[in-house]
């Protein structure tokens, strides 16, 4: 069975973190904390850029 990444209905912003959590079958809170840490430790650029890229990929999927 082919898994497909999609934006989640459990969305706080655009559904990216929730979609990642659904894809890997883990708690969305863990993904959101990891995203917050990534954003903090890369001075915002890495986290924001990654979020936008993942959002665009999922939106066009």
C-alpha atoms as a PDB file:
ATOM      1  CA  UNK A   1       0.000   0.000   0.000  1.00  0.00           C
ATOM      2  CA  UNK A   2       1.392   3.356  -1.012  1.00  0.00           C
ATOM      3  CA  UNK A   3       1.414   6.038   1.667  1.00  0.00           C
ATOM      4  CA  UNK A   4       0.886   9.590   0.516  1.00  0.00           C
ATOM      5  CA  UNK A   5       1.803  12.694   2.498  1.00  0.00           C
ATOM      6  CA  UNK A   6      -1.021  15.198   2.850  1.00  0.00           C
ATOM      7  CA  UNK A   7      -1.851  18.171   5.021  1.00  0.00           C
ATOM      8  CA  UNK A   8      -3.700  17.297   8.197  1.00  0.00           C
ATOM      9  CA  UNK A   9      -7.115  18.401   9.348  1.00  0.00           C
ATOM     10  CA  UNK A  10      -5.496  18.584  12.826  1.00  0.00           C
ATOM     11  CA  UNK A  11      -3.935  21.904  11.877  1.00  0.00           C
ATOM     12  CA  UNK A  12      -2.581  24.662  14.077  1.00  0.00           C
ATOM     13  CA  UNK A  13      -1.216  26.677  11.166  1.00  0.00           C
ATOM     14  CA  UNK A  14      -1.373  24.927   7.810  1.00  0.00           C
ATOM     15  CA  UNK A  15      -1.420  21.242   8.781  1.00  0.00           C
ATOM     16  CA  UNK A  16       2.205  20.412   7.984  1.00  0.00           C
ATOM     17  CA  UNK A  17       3.214  19.105  11.429  1.00  0.00           C
ATOM     18  CA  UNK A  18      -0.049  17.205  11.774  1.00  0.00           C
ATOM     19  CA  UNK A  19       0.465  15.701   8.323  1.00  0.00           C
ATOM     20  CA  UNK A  20       3.973  14.575   9.202  1.00  0.00           C
ATOM     21  CA  UNK A  21       2.658  13.026  12.413  1.00  0.00           C
ATOM     22  CA  UNK A  22      -0.090  11.160  10.539  1.00  0.00           C
ATOM     23  CA  UNK A  23       2.382   9.942   7.899  1.00  0.00           C
ATOM     24  CA  UNK A  24       4.756   8.503  10.514  1.00  0.00           C
ATOM     25  CA  UNK A  25       1.927   7.530  12.908  1.00  0.00           C
ATOM     26  CA  UNK A  26       3.260   9.523  15.876  1.00  0.00           C
ATOM     27  CA  UNK A  27       1.846  12.154  18.217  1.00  0.00           C
ATOM     28  CA  UNK A  28       1.551  15.605  16.532  1.00  0.00           C
ATOM     29  CA  UNK A  29       2.837  17.275  19.701  1.00  0.00           C
ATOM     30  CA  UNK A  30       6.214  15.559  19.270  1.00  0.00           C
ATOM     31  CA  UNK A  31       6.482  16.819  15.690  1.00  0.00           C
ATOM     32  CA  UNK A  32       5.509  20.347  16.735  1.00  0.00           C
ATOM     33  CA  UNK A  33       8.122  20.382  19.510  1.00  0.00           C
ATOM     34  CA  UNK A  34      10.784  19.097  17.101  1.00  0.00           C
ATOM     35  CA  UNK A  35       9.790  21.787  14.601  1.00  0.00           C
ATOM     36  CA  UNK A  36       9.983  24.485  17.281  1.00  0.00           C
ATOM     37  CA  UNK A  37      13.455  23.294  18.291  1.00  0.00           C
ATOM     38  CA  UNK A  38      14.597  23.244  14.655  1.00  0.00           C
ATOM     39  CA  UNK A  39      13.331  26.775  14.180  1.00  0.00           C
ATOM     40  CA  UNK A  40      14.940  28.002  17.399  1.00  0.00           C
ATOM     41  CA  UNK A  41      18.350  26.431  16.787  1.00  0.00           C
ATOM     42  CA  UNK A  42      18.564  27.608  13.164  1.00  0.00           C
ATOM     43  CA  UNK A  43      17.583  31.182  14.053  1.00  0.00           C
ATOM     44  CA  UNK A  44      14.261  30.724  12.286  1.00  0.00           C
ATOM     45  CA  UNK A  45      15.564  30.256   8.759  1.00  0.00           C
ATOM     46  CA  UNK A  46      15.808  26.460   8.685  1.00  0.00           C
ATOM     47  CA  UNK A  47      12.454  25.861  10.312  1.00  0.00           C
ATOM     48  CA  UNK A  48      10.535  28.406   8.263  1.00  0.00           C
ATOM     49  CA  UNK A  49      12.158  27.303   5.005  1.00  0.00           C
ATOM     50  CA  UNK A  50      11.489  23.622   5.740  1.00  0.00           C
ATOM     51  CA  UNK A  51       7.857  24.380   6.660  1.00  0.00           C
ATOM     52  CA  UNK A  52       7.262  26.302   3.431  1.00  0.00           C
ATOM     53  CA  UNK A  53       8.859  23.620   1.264  1.00  0.00           C
ATOM     54  CA  UNK A  54       6.874  20.828   2.916  1.00  0.00           C
ATOM     55  CA  UNK A  55       3.671  22.871   2.645  1.00  0.00           C
ATOM     56  CA  UNK A  56       4.197  23.460  -1.085  1.00  0.00           C
ATOM     57  CA  UNK A  57       4.969  19.793  -1.722  1.00  0.00           C
ATOM     58  CA  UNK A  58       1.885  18.632   0.186  1.00  0.00           C
ATOM     59  CA  UNK A  59      -0.369  21.271  -1.367  1.00  0.00           C
ATOM     60  CA  UNK A  60       0.600  20.213  -4.905  1.00  0.00           C
ATOM     61  CA  UNK A  61       0.331  16.517  -4.094  1.00  0.00           C
END
